[in-house]
């Protein structure tokens, strides 16, 4: 049963971090363009408009996706409460993989939104 609690806790970590960090990116983007903190891609670092837009867009997506993933991740674990360590580990590993994909999808969506909103000539 300790393994269930371990996996449950760590499988909720990604959605919780997405909620917290998404909100921070959305509402409190770094004031200066830098290569250390924030949403850092070539397209987002072109100027302050793209920098702010990328943080707001990606942060909002992370926040929304995190709130969707949090209850879903918890619900997936409840039927496994008395399951074997093998079942719990397999389900937790699959869930973690899906969460990591969900963590990366907003990056591609943000890049597409930046490309649509800011043309290369205007930057």
PDB file of N, CA and C in Angstrom:
ATOM      1  N   UNK A   1       0.820  -1.192   0.000  1.00  0.00           N
ATOM      2  CA  UNK A   1       0.000   0.000   0.000  1.00  0.00           C
ATOM      3  C   UNK A   1       0.870   1.265   0.000  1.00  0.00           C
ATOM      4  N   UNK A   2       2.068   1.203   0.568  1.00  0.00           N
ATOM      5  CA  UNK A   2       2.955   2.368   0.568  1.00  0.00           C
ATOM      6  C   UNK A   2       3.310   2.762  -0.861  1.00  0.00           C
ATOM      7  N   UNK A   3       3.441   1.784  -1.757  1.00  0.00           N
ATOM      8  CA  UNK A   3       3.790   2.070  -3.149  1.00  0.00           C
ATOM      9  C   UNK A   3       2.659   2.824  -3.851  1.00  0.00           C
ATOM     10  N   UNK A   4       1.415   2.500  -3.503  1.00  0.00           N
ATOM     11  CA  UNK A   4       0.276   3.217  -4.074  1.00  0.00           C
ATOM     12  C   UNK A   4       0.343   4.688  -3.681  1.00  0.00           C
ATOM     13  N   UNK A   5       0.612   4.958  -2.395  1.00  0.00           N
ATOM     14  CA  UNK A   5       0.714   6.350  -1.928  1.00  0.00           C
ATOM     15  C   UNK A   5       1.880   7.065  -2.601  1.00  0.00           C
ATOM     16  N   UNK A   6       2.978   6.366  -2.762  1.00  0.00           N
ATOM     17  CA  UNK A   6       4.144   6.939  -3.434  1.00  0.00           C
ATOM     18  C   UNK A   6       3.794   7.344  -4.867  1.00  0.00           C
ATOM     19  N   UNK A   7       3.220   6.412  -5.632  1.00  0.00           N
ATOM     20  CA  UNK A   7       2.859   6.681  -7.027  1.00  0.00           C
ATOM     21  C   UNK A   7       1.765   7.734  -7.124  1.00  0.00           C
ATOM     22  N   UNK A   8       0.794   7.674  -6.226  1.00  0.00           N
ATOM     23  CA  UNK A   8      -0.293   8.655  -6.206  1.00  0.00           C
ATOM     24  C   UNK A   8       0.272  10.060  -6.020  1.00  0.00           C
ATOM     25  N   UNK A   9       1.156  10.210  -5.053  1.00  0.00           N
ATOM     26  CA  UNK A   9       1.766  11.514  -4.767  1.00  0.00           C
ATOM     27  C   UNK A   9       2.561  12.023  -5.962  1.00  0.00           C
ATOM     28  N   UNK A  10       3.399  11.189  -6.528  1.00  0.00           N
ATOM     29  CA  UNK A  10       4.254  11.644  -7.612  1.00  0.00           C
ATOM     30  C   UNK A  10       3.505  11.817  -8.932  1.00  0.00           C
ATOM     31  N   UNK A  11       2.414  11.077  -9.123  1.00  0.00           N
ATOM     32  CA  UNK A  11       1.622  11.274 -10.333  1.00  0.00           C
ATOM     33  C   UNK A  11       0.757  12.529 -10.256  1.00  0.00           C
ATOM     34  N   UNK A  12       0.570  13.079  -9.058  1.00  0.00           N
ATOM     35  CA  UNK A  12      -0.135  14.359  -8.939  1.00  0.00           C
ATOM     36  C   UNK A  12       0.828  15.540  -9.001  1.00  0.00           C
ATOM     37  N   UNK A  13       2.114  15.260  -8.936  1.00  0.00           N
ATOM     38  CA  UNK A  13       3.119  16.322  -8.942  1.00  0.00           C
ATOM     39  C   UNK A  13       3.121  17.132 -10.236  1.00  0.00           C
ATOM     40  N   UNK A  14       3.054  16.483 -11.385  1.00  0.00           N
ATOM     41  CA  UNK A  14       3.095  17.193 -12.665  1.00  0.00           C
ATOM     42  C   UNK A  14       1.880  18.111 -12.825  1.00  0.00           C
ATOM     43  N   UNK A  15       0.647  17.629 -12.581  1.00  0.00           N
ATOM     44  CA  UNK A  15      -0.483  18.557 -12.702  1.00  0.00           C
ATOM     45  C   UNK A  15      -0.407  19.729 -11.715  1.00  0.00           C
ATOM     46  N   UNK A  16       0.028  19.470 -10.497  1.00  0.00           N
ATOM     47  CA  UNK A  16       0.130  20.554  -9.511  1.00  0.00           C
ATOM     48  C   UNK A  16       1.175  21.571  -9.953  1.00  0.00           C
ATOM     49  N   UNK A  17       2.318  21.098 -10.439  1.00  0.00           N
ATOM     50  CA  UNK A  17       3.347  22.014 -10.930  1.00  0.00           C
ATOM     51  C   UNK A  17       2.868  22.791 -12.147  1.00  0.00           C
ATOM     52  N   UNK A  18       2.101  22.141 -13.024  1.00  0.00           N
ATOM     53  CA  UNK A  18       1.562  22.843 -14.192  1.00  0.00           C
ATOM     54  C   UNK A  18       0.604  23.953 -13.767  1.00  0.00           C
ATOM     55  N   UNK A  19      -0.199  23.702 -12.752  1.00  0.00           N
ATOM     56  CA  UNK A  19      -1.135  24.719 -12.260  1.00  0.00           C
ATOM     57  C   UNK A  19      -0.362  25.901 -11.675  1.00  0.00           C
ATOM     58  N   UNK A  20       0.592  25.625 -10.813  1.00  0.00           N
ATOM     59  CA  UNK A  20       1.345  26.688 -10.137  1.00  0.00           C
ATOM     60  C   UNK A  20       2.228  27.456 -11.122  1.00  0.00           C
ATOM     61  N   UNK A  21       3.043  26.736 -11.899  1.00  0.00           N
ATOM     62  CA  UNK A  21       3.959  27.404 -12.819  1.00  0.00           C
ATOM     63  C   UNK A  21       3.219  28.055 -13.986  1.00  0.00           C
ATOM     64  N   UNK A  22       2.112  27.450 -14.420  1.00  0.00           N
ATOM     65  CA  UNK A  22       1.309  28.057 -15.468  1.00  0.00           C
ATOM     66  C   UNK A  22       0.747  29.388 -15.023  1.00  0.00           C
ATOM     67  N   UNK A  23       0.244  29.431 -13.812  1.00  0.00           N
ATOM     68  CA  UNK A  23      -0.288  30.689 -13.269  1.00  0.00           C
ATOM     69  C   UNK A  23       0.816  31.740 -13.145  1.00  0.00           C
ATOM     70  N   UNK A  24       1.998  31.312 -12.713  1.00  0.00           N
ATOM     71  CA  UNK A  24       3.116  32.252 -12.594  1.00  0.00           C
ATOM     72  C   UNK A  24       3.532  32.787 -13.961  1.00  0.00           C
ATOM     73  N   UNK A  25       3.604  31.898 -14.958  1.00  0.00           N
ATOM     74  CA  UNK A  25       3.970  32.345 -16.309  1.00  0.00           C
ATOM     75  C   UNK A  25       2.914  33.287 -16.872  1.00  0.00           C
ATOM     76  N   UNK A  26       1.670  32.956 -16.659  1.00  0.00           N
ATOM     77  CA  UNK A  26       0.559  33.706 -17.211  1.00  0.00           C
ATOM     78  C   UNK A  26       0.473  35.105 -16.597  1.00  0.00           C
ATOM     79  N   UNK A  27       0.580  35.179 -15.286  1.00  0.00           N
ATOM     80  CA  UNK A  27       0.376  36.452 -14.587  1.00  0.00           C
ATOM     81  C   UNK A  27       1.655  37.201 -14.237  1.00  0.00           C
ATOM     82  N   UNK A  28       2.781  36.490 -14.151  1.00  0.00           N
ATOM     83  CA  UNK A  28       4.019  37.133 -13.701  1.00  0.00           C
ATOM     84  C   UNK A  28       5.202  36.716 -14.572  1.00  0.00           C
ATOM     85  N   UNK A  29       5.122  37.023 -15.849  1.00  0.00           N
ATOM     86  CA  UNK A  29       6.218  36.687 -16.773  1.00  0.00           C
ATOM     87  C   UNK A  29       7.469  37.489 -16.404  1.00  0.00           C
ATOM     88  N   UNK A  30       8.646  36.944 -16.662  1.00  0.00           N
ATOM     89  CA  UNK A  30       9.864  37.711 -16.411  1.00  0.00           C
ATOM     90  C   UNK A  30       9.829  39.047 -17.156  1.00  0.00           C
ATOM     91  N   UNK A  31      10.276  40.091 -16.511  1.00  0.00           N
ATOM     92  CA  UNK A  31      10.196  41.441 -17.072  1.00  0.00           C
ATOM     93  C   UNK A  31      11.185  41.680 -18.208  1.00  0.00           C
ATOM     94  N   UNK A  32      12.273  40.931 -18.209  1.00  0.00           N
ATOM     95  CA  UNK A  32      13.281  41.087 -19.249  1.00  0.00           C
ATOM     96  C   UNK A  32      13.472  39.768 -19.982  1.00  0.00           C
ATOM     97  N   UNK A  33      13.746  39.852 -21.255  1.00  0.00           N
ATOM     98  CA  UNK A  33      14.040  38.664 -22.046  1.00  0.00           C
ATOM     99  C   UNK A  33      15.381  38.119 -21.576  1.00  0.00           C
ATOM    100  N   UNK A  34      15.411  36.843 -21.239  1.00  0.00           N
ATOM    101  CA  UNK A  34      16.651  36.239 -20.770  1.00  0.00           C
ATOM    102  C   UNK A  34      16.698  34.788 -21.208  1.00  0.00           C
ATOM    103  N   UNK A  35      17.849  34.207 -21.149  1.00  0.00           N
ATOM    104  CA  UNK A  35      18.034  32.826 -21.561  1.00  0.00           C
ATOM    105  C   UNK A  35      18.034  31.844 -20.407  1.00  0.00           C
ATOM    106  N   UNK A  36      17.607  32.289 -19.221  1.00  0.00           N
ATOM    107  CA  UNK A  36      17.668  31.432 -18.044  1.00  0.00           C
ATOM    108  C   UNK A  36      16.281  31.056 -17.530  1.00  0.00           C
ATOM    109  N   UNK A  37      15.390  32.038 -17.394  1.00  0.00           N
ATOM    110  CA  UNK A  37      14.084  31.798 -16.774  1.00  0.00           C
ATOM    111  C   UNK A  37      12.969  32.156 -17.755  1.00  0.00           C
ATOM    112  N   UNK A  38      11.968  31.293 -17.831  1.00  0.00           N
ATOM    113  CA  UNK A  38      10.785  31.599 -18.626  1.00  0.00           C
ATOM    114  C   UNK A  38      10.663  30.726 -19.857  1.00  0.00           C
ATOM    115  N   UNK A  39       9.688  31.065 -20.691  1.00  0.00           N
ATOM    116  CA  UNK A  39       9.442  30.348 -21.939  1.00  0.00           C
ATOM    117  C   UNK A  39      10.470  30.846 -22.947  1.00  0.00           C
ATOM    118  N   UNK A  40      11.479  30.022 -23.214  1.00  0.00           N
ATOM    119  CA  UNK A  40      12.615  30.469 -24.011  1.00  0.00           C
ATOM    120  C   UNK A  40      12.722  29.678 -25.310  1.00  0.00           C
ATOM    121  N   UNK A  41      12.199  30.254 -26.374  1.00  0.00           N
ATOM    122  CA  UNK A  41      12.423  29.714 -27.706  1.00  0.00           C
ATOM    123  C   UNK A  41      12.896  30.865 -28.573  1.00  0.00           C
ATOM    124  N   UNK A  42      13.430  30.538 -29.721  1.00  0.00           N
ATOM    125  CA  UNK A  42      13.937  31.568 -30.620  1.00  0.00           C
ATOM    126  C   UNK A  42      12.831  32.569 -30.977  1.00  0.00           C
ATOM    127  N   UNK A  43      11.657  32.039 -31.263  1.00  0.00           N
ATOM    128  CA  UNK A  43      10.541  32.898 -31.666  1.00  0.00           C
ATOM    129  C   UNK A  43      10.045  33.759 -30.504  1.00  0.00           C
ATOM    130  N   UNK A  44      10.002  33.212 -29.295  1.00  0.00           N
ATOM    131  CA  UNK A  44       9.474  33.977 -28.158  1.00  0.00           C
ATOM    132  C   UNK A  44      10.446  35.051 -27.674  1.00  0.00           C
ATOM    133  N   UNK A  45      11.721  34.893 -27.979  1.00  0.00           N
ATOM    134  CA  UNK A  45      12.727  35.833 -27.473  1.00  0.00           C
ATOM    135  C   UNK A  45      13.066  36.945 -28.476  1.00  0.00           C
ATOM    136  N   UNK A  46      12.287  37.084 -29.531  1.00  0.00           N
ATOM    137  CA  UNK A  46      12.582  38.113 -30.547  1.00  0.00           C
ATOM    138  C   UNK A  46      12.393  39.526 -30.031  1.00  0.00           C
ATOM    139  N   UNK A  47      11.331  39.761 -29.298  1.00  0.00           N
ATOM    140  CA  UNK A  47      11.092  41.092 -28.727  1.00  0.00           C
ATOM    141  C   UNK A  47      10.162  40.963 -27.525  1.00  0.00           C
ATOM    142  N   UNK A  48       9.873  42.075 -26.859  1.00  0.00           N
ATOM    143  CA  UNK A  48       9.049  42.033 -25.644  1.00  0.00           C
ATOM    144  C   UNK A  48       7.611  41.624 -25.929  1.00  0.00           C
ATOM    145  N   UNK A  49       7.076  41.968 -27.092  1.00  0.00           N
ATOM    146  CA  UNK A  49       5.702  41.574 -27.421  1.00  0.00           C
ATOM    147  C   UNK A  49       5.584  40.058 -27.528  1.00  0.00           C
ATOM    148  N   UNK A  50       6.506  39.436 -28.240  1.00  0.00           N
ATOM    149  CA  UNK A  50       6.461  37.974 -28.376  1.00  0.00           C
ATOM    150  C   UNK A  50       6.744  37.299 -27.039  1.00  0.00           C
ATOM    151  N   UNK A  51       7.650  37.889 -26.261  1.00  0.00           N
ATOM    152  CA  UNK A  51       8.003  37.350 -24.950  1.00  0.00           C
ATOM    153  C   UNK A  51       6.777  37.314 -24.035  1.00  0.00           C
ATOM    154  N   UNK A  52       6.076  38.433 -23.941  1.00  0.00           N
ATOM    155  CA  UNK A  52       4.898  38.502 -23.076  1.00  0.00           C
ATOM    156  C   UNK A  52       3.771  37.615 -23.591  1.00  0.00           C
ATOM    157  N   UNK A  53       3.555  37.634 -24.890  1.00  0.00           N
ATOM    158  CA  UNK A  53       2.481  36.825 -25.480  1.00  0.00           C
ATOM    159  C   UNK A  53       2.734  35.333 -25.244  1.00  0.00           C
ATOM    160  N   UNK A  54       3.967  34.892 -25.445  1.00  0.00           N
ATOM    161  CA  UNK A  54       4.298  33.473 -25.266  1.00  0.00           C
ATOM    162  C   UNK A  54       4.073  33.031 -23.820  1.00  0.00           C
ATOM    163  N   UNK A  55       4.473  33.854 -22.872  1.00  0.00           N
ATOM    164  CA  UNK A  55       4.287  33.508 -21.469  1.00  0.00           C
ATOM    165  C   UNK A  55       2.809  33.456 -21.103  1.00  0.00           C
ATOM    166  N   UNK A  56       2.064  34.423 -21.581  1.00  0.00           N
ATOM    167  CA  UNK A  56       0.637  34.447 -21.280  1.00  0.00           C
ATOM    168  C   UNK A  56      -0.071  33.246 -21.912  1.00  0.00           C
ATOM    169  N   UNK A  57       0.219  32.971 -23.160  1.00  0.00           N
ATOM    170  CA  UNK A  57      -0.446  31.895 -23.891  1.00  0.00           C
ATOM    171  C   UNK A  57      -0.088  30.522 -23.313  1.00  0.00           C
ATOM    172  N   UNK A  58       1.193  30.251 -23.157  1.00  0.00           N
ATOM    173  CA  UNK A  58       1.644  28.956 -22.644  1.00  0.00           C
ATOM    174  C   UNK A  58       1.236  28.783 -21.183  1.00  0.00           C
ATOM    175  N   UNK A  59       1.361  29.831 -20.389  1.00  0.00           N
ATOM    176  CA  UNK A  59       0.973  29.764 -18.982  1.00  0.00           C
ATOM    177  C   UNK A  59      -0.500  29.446 -18.812  1.00  0.00           C
ATOM    178  N   UNK A  60      -1.347  30.084 -19.617  1.00  0.00           N
ATOM    179  CA  UNK A  60      -2.780  29.823 -19.546  1.00  0.00           C
ATOM    180  C   UNK A  60      -3.086  28.376 -19.938  1.00  0.00           C
ATOM    181  N   UNK A  61      -2.411  27.867 -20.978  1.00  0.00           N
ATOM    182  CA  UNK A  61      -2.610  26.478 -21.387  1.00  0.00           C
ATOM    183  C   UNK A  61      -2.176  25.511 -20.290  1.00  0.00           C
ATOM    184  N   UNK A  62      -1.003  25.742 -19.716  1.00  0.00           N
ATOM    185  CA  UNK A  62      -0.526  24.871 -18.632  1.00  0.00           C
ATOM    186  C   UNK A  62      -1.509  24.872 -17.470  1.00  0.00           C
ATOM    187  N   UNK A  63      -2.006  26.057 -17.109  1.00  0.00           N
ATOM    188  CA  UNK A  63      -2.927  26.189 -15.994  1.00  0.00           C
ATOM    189  C   UNK A  63      -4.199  25.383 -16.259  1.00  0.00           C
ATOM    190  N   UNK A  64      -4.770  25.535 -17.443  1.00  0.00           N
ATOM    191  CA  UNK A  64      -5.996  24.810 -17.794  1.00  0.00           C
ATOM    192  C   UNK A  64      -5.764  23.302 -17.853  1.00  0.00           C
ATOM    193  N   UNK A  65      -4.704  22.890 -18.522  1.00  0.00           N
ATOM    194  CA  UNK A  65      -4.408  21.459 -18.654  1.00  0.00           C
ATOM    195  C   UNK A  65      -4.113  20.843 -17.283  1.00  0.00           C
ATOM    196  N   UNK A  66      -3.418  21.569 -16.436  1.00  0.00           N
ATOM    197  CA  UNK A  66      -3.124  21.081 -15.086  1.00  0.00           C
ATOM    198  C   UNK A  66      -4.394  20.829 -14.288  1.00  0.00           C
ATOM    199  N   UNK A  67      -5.369  21.726 -14.389  1.00  0.00           N
ATOM    200  CA  UNK A  67      -6.631  21.547 -13.667  1.00  0.00           C
ATOM    201  C   UNK A  67      -7.435  20.379 -14.218  1.00  0.00           C
ATOM    202  N   UNK A  68      -7.307  20.095 -15.502  1.00  0.00           N
ATOM    203  CA  UNK A  68      -7.996  18.932 -16.078  1.00  0.00           C
ATOM    204  C   UNK A  68      -7.293  17.645 -15.650  1.00  0.00           C
ATOM    205  N   UNK A  69      -5.965  17.661 -15.687  1.00  0.00           N
ATOM    206  CA  UNK A  69      -5.202  16.442 -15.368  1.00  0.00           C
ATOM    207  C   UNK A  69      -5.239  16.068 -13.898  1.00  0.00           C
ATOM    208  N   UNK A  70      -5.384  17.026 -13.005  1.00  0.00           N
ATOM    209  CA  UNK A  70      -5.335  16.744 -11.566  1.00  0.00           C
ATOM    210  C   UNK A  70      -6.420  15.754 -11.130  1.00  0.00           C
ATOM    211  N   UNK A  71      -7.700  16.027 -11.371  1.00  0.00           N
ATOM    212  CA  UNK A  71      -8.702  15.037 -10.938  1.00  0.00           C
ATOM    213  C   UNK A  71      -8.639  13.736 -11.737  1.00  0.00           C
ATOM    214  N   UNK A  72      -8.315  13.844 -13.023  1.00  0.00           N
ATOM    215  CA  UNK A  72      -8.217  12.627 -13.845  1.00  0.00           C
ATOM    216  C   UNK A  72      -7.111  11.724 -13.309  1.00  0.00           C
ATOM    217  N   UNK A  73      -5.977  12.296 -12.964  1.00  0.00           N
ATOM    218  CA  UNK A  73      -4.859  11.512 -12.425  1.00  0.00           C
ATOM    219  C   UNK A  73      -5.230  10.860 -11.103  1.00  0.00           C
ATOM    220  N   UNK A  74      -5.950  11.579 -10.257  1.00  0.00           N
ATOM    221  CA  UNK A  74      -6.367  11.012  -8.969  1.00  0.00           C
ATOM    222  C   UNK A  74      -7.362   9.878  -9.187  1.00  0.00           C
ATOM    223  N   UNK A  75      -8.324  10.093 -10.078  1.00  0.00           N
ATOM    224  CA  UNK A  75      -9.360   9.081 -10.327  1.00  0.00           C
ATOM    225  C   UNK A  75      -8.755   7.795 -10.887  1.00  0.00           C
ATOM    226  N   UNK A  76      -7.751   7.922 -11.727  1.00  0.00           N
ATOM    227  CA  UNK A  76      -7.111   6.742 -12.303  1.00  0.00           C
ATOM    228  C   UNK A  76      -6.481   5.867 -11.215  1.00  0.00           C
ATOM    229  N   UNK A  77      -5.989   6.478 -10.155  1.00  0.00           N
ATOM    230  CA  UNK A  77      -5.308   5.720  -9.094  1.00  0.00           C
ATOM    231  C   UNK A  77      -6.257   5.005  -8.127  1.00  0.00           C
ATOM    232  N   UNK A  78      -7.459   5.526  -7.928  1.00  0.00           N
ATOM    233  CA  UNK A  78      -8.345   4.940  -6.909  1.00  0.00           C
ATOM    234  C   UNK A  78      -8.682   3.468  -7.130  1.00  0.00           C
ATOM    235  N   UNK A  79      -8.985   3.016  -8.349  1.00  0.00           N
ATOM    236  CA  UNK A  79      -9.268   1.577  -8.514  1.00  0.00           C
ATOM    237  C   UNK A  79      -8.061   0.678  -8.235  1.00  0.00           C
ATOM    238  N   UNK A  80      -6.881   1.258  -8.229  1.00  0.00           N
ATOM    239  CA  UNK A  80      -5.660   0.476  -8.029  1.00  0.00           C
ATOM    240  C   UNK A  80      -5.217   0.420  -6.566  1.00  0.00           C
ATOM    241  N   UNK A  81      -6.030   0.949  -5.662  1.00  0.00           N
ATOM    242  CA  UNK A  81      -5.630   1.065  -4.252  1.00  0.00           C
ATOM    243  C   UNK A  81      -5.176  -0.267  -3.664  1.00  0.00           C
ATOM    244  N   UNK A  82      -5.872  -1.345  -3.949  1.00  0.00           N
ATOM    245  CA  UNK A  82      -5.484  -2.657  -3.426  1.00  0.00           C
ATOM    246  C   UNK A  82      -4.829  -3.523  -4.499  1.00  0.00           C
ATOM    247  N   UNK A  83      -4.373  -2.887  -5.573  1.00  0.00           N
ATOM    248  CA  UNK A  83      -3.729  -3.630  -6.649  1.00  0.00           C
ATOM    249  C   UNK A  83      -2.305  -4.024  -6.290  1.00  0.00           C
ATOM    250  N   UNK A  84      -1.738  -4.838  -7.139  1.00  0.00           N
ATOM    251  CA  UNK A  84      -0.348  -5.258  -6.922  1.00  0.00           C
ATOM    252  C   UNK A  84       0.599  -4.109  -7.285  1.00  0.00           C
ATOM    253  N   UNK A  85       1.817  -4.211  -6.788  1.00  0.00           N
ATOM    254  CA  UNK A  85       2.822  -3.192  -7.104  1.00  0.00           C
ATOM    255  C   UNK A  85       3.058  -3.107  -8.609  1.00  0.00           C
ATOM    256  N   UNK A  86       2.976  -4.242  -9.282  1.00  0.00           N
ATOM    257  CA  UNK A  86       3.155  -4.277 -10.735  1.00  0.00           C
ATOM    258  C   UNK A  86       2.076  -3.470 -11.449  1.00  0.00           C
ATOM    259  N   UNK A  87       0.816  -3.659 -11.053  1.00  0.00           N
ATOM    260  CA  UNK A  87      -0.294  -2.928 -11.667  1.00  0.00           C
ATOM    261  C   UNK A  87      -0.178  -1.439 -11.392  1.00  0.00           C
ATOM    262  N   UNK A  88       0.122  -1.103 -10.167  1.00  0.00           N
ATOM    263  CA  UNK A  88       0.241   0.302  -9.768  1.00  0.00           C
ATOM    264  C   UNK A  88       1.399   0.965 -10.513  1.00  0.00           C
ATOM    265  N   UNK A  89       2.530   0.275 -10.585  1.00  0.00           N
ATOM    266  CA  UNK A  89       3.698   0.816 -11.279  1.00  0.00           C
ATOM    267  C   UNK A  89       3.454   0.999 -12.763  1.00  0.00           C
ATOM    268  N   UNK A  90       2.805   0.033 -13.396  1.00  0.00           N
ATOM    269  CA  UNK A  90       2.513   0.135 -14.826  1.00  0.00           C
ATOM    270  C   UNK A  90       1.556   1.286 -15.105  1.00  0.00           C
ATOM    271  N   UNK A  91       0.471   1.356 -14.331  1.00  0.00           N
ATOM    272  CA  UNK A  91      -0.501   2.438 -14.526  1.00  0.00           C
ATOM    273  C   UNK A  91       0.143   3.794 -14.243  1.00  0.00           C
ATOM    274  N   UNK A  92       0.947   3.864 -13.193  1.00  0.00           N
ATOM    275  CA  UNK A  92       1.625   5.119 -12.862  1.00  0.00           C
ATOM    276  C   UNK A  92       2.615   5.539 -13.930  1.00  0.00           C
ATOM    277  N   UNK A  93       3.333   4.575 -14.488  1.00  0.00           N
ATOM    278  CA  UNK A  93       4.283   4.888 -15.558  1.00  0.00           C
ATOM    279  C   UNK A  93       3.591   5.379 -16.816  1.00  0.00           C
ATOM    280  N   UNK A  94       2.489   4.742 -17.174  1.00  0.00           N
ATOM    281  CA  UNK A  94       1.725   5.187 -18.348  1.00  0.00           C
ATOM    282  C   UNK A  94       1.153   6.581 -18.105  1.00  0.00           C
ATOM    283  N   UNK A  95       0.608   6.789 -16.907  1.00  0.00           N
ATOM    284  CA  UNK A  95       0.048   8.088 -16.564  1.00  0.00           C
ATOM    285  C   UNK A  95       1.116   9.180 -16.606  1.00  0.00           C
ATOM    286  N   UNK A  96       2.273   8.898 -16.082  1.00  0.00           N
ATOM    287  CA  UNK A  96       3.374   9.871 -16.087  1.00  0.00           C
ATOM    288  C   UNK A  96       3.798  10.203 -17.515  1.00  0.00           C
ATOM    289  N   UNK A  97       3.830   9.211 -18.386  1.00  0.00           N
ATOM    290  CA  UNK A  97       4.171   9.437 -19.791  1.00  0.00           C
ATOM    291  C   UNK A  97       3.145  10.341 -20.462  1.00  0.00           C
ATOM    292  N   UNK A  98       1.874  10.074 -20.215  1.00  0.00           N
ATOM    293  CA  UNK A  98       0.807  10.908 -20.781  1.00  0.00           C
ATOM    294  C   UNK A  98       0.911  12.334 -20.242  1.00  0.00           C
ATOM    295  N   UNK A  99       1.211  12.477 -18.962  1.00  0.00           N
ATOM    296  CA  UNK A  99       1.353  13.801 -18.366  1.00  0.00           C
ATOM    297  C   UNK A  99       2.530  14.564 -18.971  1.00  0.00           C
ATOM    298  N   UNK A 100       3.628  13.877 -19.242  1.00  0.00           N
ATOM    299  CA  UNK A 100       4.787  14.532 -19.856  1.00  0.00           C
ATOM    300  C   UNK A 100       4.465  15.007 -21.270  1.00  0.00           C
ATOM    301  N   UNK A 101       3.696  14.219 -21.999  1.00  0.00           N
ATOM    302  CA  UNK A 101       3.262  14.645 -23.335  1.00  0.00           C
ATOM    303  C   UNK A 101       2.369  15.875 -23.199  1.00  0.00           C
ATOM    304  N   UNK A 102       1.442  15.839 -22.235  1.00  0.00           N
ATOM    305  CA  UNK A 102       0.558  16.990 -22.006  1.00  0.00           C
ATOM    306  C   UNK A 102       1.333  18.222 -21.566  1.00  0.00           C
ATOM    307  N   UNK A 103       2.463  18.023 -20.955  1.00  0.00           N
ATOM    308  CA  UNK A 103       3.321  19.132 -20.539  1.00  0.00           C
ATOM    309  C   UNK A 103       3.989  19.787 -21.748  1.00  0.00           C
ATOM    310  N   UNK A 104       4.279  18.998 -22.782  1.00  0.00           N
ATOM    311  CA  UNK A 104       4.982  19.506 -23.956  1.00  0.00           C
ATOM    312  C   UNK A 104       4.058  20.038 -25.056  1.00  0.00           C
ATOM    313  N   UNK A 105       2.833  19.561 -25.115  1.00  0.00           N
ATOM    314  CA  UNK A 105       1.903  19.990 -26.166  1.00  0.00           C
ATOM    315  C   UNK A 105       1.726  21.508 -26.188  1.00  0.00           C
ATOM    316  N   UNK A 106       1.583  22.199 -25.044  1.00  0.00           N
ATOM    317  CA  UNK A 106       1.444  23.653 -25.087  1.00  0.00           C
ATOM    318  C   UNK A 106       2.624  24.383 -25.739  1.00  0.00           C
ATOM    319  N   UNK A 107       3.798  23.786 -25.725  1.00  0.00           N
ATOM    320  CA  UNK A 107       4.949  24.416 -26.383  1.00  0.00           C
ATOM    321  C   UNK A 107       4.694  24.508 -27.889  1.00  0.00           C
ATOM    322  N   UNK A 108       4.218  23.422 -28.475  1.00  0.00           N
ATOM    323  CA  UNK A 108       3.932  23.424 -29.913  1.00  0.00           C
ATOM    324  C   UNK A 108       2.762  24.347 -30.244  1.00  0.00           C
ATOM    325  N   UNK A 109       1.753  24.359 -29.394  1.00  0.00           N
ATOM    326  CA  UNK A 109       0.611  25.242 -29.615  1.00  0.00           C
ATOM    327  C   UNK A 109       1.010  26.707 -29.473  1.00  0.00           C
ATOM    328  N   UNK A 110       1.878  27.001 -28.527  1.00  0.00           N
ATOM    329  CA  UNK A 110       2.347  28.375 -28.334  1.00  0.00           C
ATOM    330  C   UNK A 110       3.186  28.826 -29.524  1.00  0.00           C
ATOM    331  N   UNK A 111       4.051  27.964 -30.006  1.00  0.00           N
ATOM    332  CA  UNK A 111       4.858  28.324 -31.178  1.00  0.00           C
ATOM    333  C   UNK A 111       3.972  28.587 -32.396  1.00  0.00           C
ATOM    334  N   UNK A 112       2.946  27.772 -32.568  1.00  0.00           N
ATOM    335  CA  UNK A 112       2.029  27.984 -33.681  1.00  0.00           C
ATOM    336  C   UNK A 112       1.277  29.307 -33.520  1.00  0.00           C
ATOM    337  N   UNK A 113       0.850  29.624 -32.300  1.00  0.00           N
ATOM    338  CA  UNK A 113       0.154  30.879 -32.041  1.00  0.00           C
ATOM    339  C   UNK A 113       1.080  32.079 -32.272  1.00  0.00           C
ATOM    340  N   UNK A 114       2.335  31.955 -31.863  1.00  0.00           N
ATOM    341  CA  UNK A 114       3.303  33.035 -32.104  1.00  0.00           C
ATOM    342  C   UNK A 114       3.518  33.247 -33.601  1.00  0.00           C
ATOM    343  N   UNK A 115       3.608  32.153 -34.332  1.00  0.00           N
ATOM    344  CA  UNK A 115       3.828  32.246 -35.777  1.00  0.00           C
ATOM    345  C   UNK A 115       2.644  32.932 -36.467  1.00  0.00           C
ATOM    346  N   UNK A 116       1.443  32.634 -36.007  1.00  0.00           N
ATOM    347  CA  UNK A 116       0.249  33.247 -36.595  1.00  0.00           C
ATOM    348  C   UNK A 116       0.121  34.719 -36.237  1.00  0.00           C
ATOM    349  N   UNK A 117       0.401  35.056 -34.988  1.00  0.00           N
ATOM    350  CA  UNK A 117       0.188  36.435 -34.517  1.00  0.00           C
ATOM    351  C   UNK A 117       1.304  37.370 -34.952  1.00  0.00           C
ATOM    352  N   UNK A 118       2.543  36.901 -34.940  1.00  0.00           N
ATOM    353  CA  UNK A 118       3.684  37.753 -35.252  1.00  0.00           C
ATOM    354  C   UNK A 118       4.360  37.218 -36.509  1.00  0.00           C
ATOM    355  N   UNK A 119       4.302  37.995 -37.577  1.00  0.00           N
ATOM    356  CA  UNK A 119       4.950  37.577 -38.809  1.00  0.00           C
ATOM    357  C   UNK A 119       6.448  37.807 -38.689  1.00  0.00           C
ATOM    358  N   UNK A 120       7.213  37.097 -39.491  1.00  0.00           N
ATOM    359  CA  UNK A 120       8.669  37.237 -39.459  1.00  0.00           C
ATOM    360  C   UNK A 120       9.112  38.624 -39.917  1.00  0.00           C
ATOM    361  N   UNK A 121       8.371  39.228 -40.842  1.00  0.00           N
ATOM    362  CA  UNK A 121       8.740  40.553 -41.345  1.00  0.00           C
ATOM    363  C   UNK A 121       8.512  41.639 -40.299  1.00  0.00           C
ATOM    364  N   UNK A 122       7.472  41.466 -39.473  1.00  0.00           N
ATOM    365  CA  UNK A 122       7.123  42.488 -38.490  1.00  0.00           C
ATOM    366  C   UNK A 122       8.057  42.477 -37.284  1.00  0.00           C
ATOM    367  N   UNK A 123       8.821  41.422 -37.127  1.00  0.00           N
ATOM    368  CA  UNK A 123       9.652  41.297 -35.935  1.00  0.00           C
ATOM    369  C   UNK A 123      11.036  41.819 -36.186  1.00  0.00           C
TER     370      UNK A 123
END
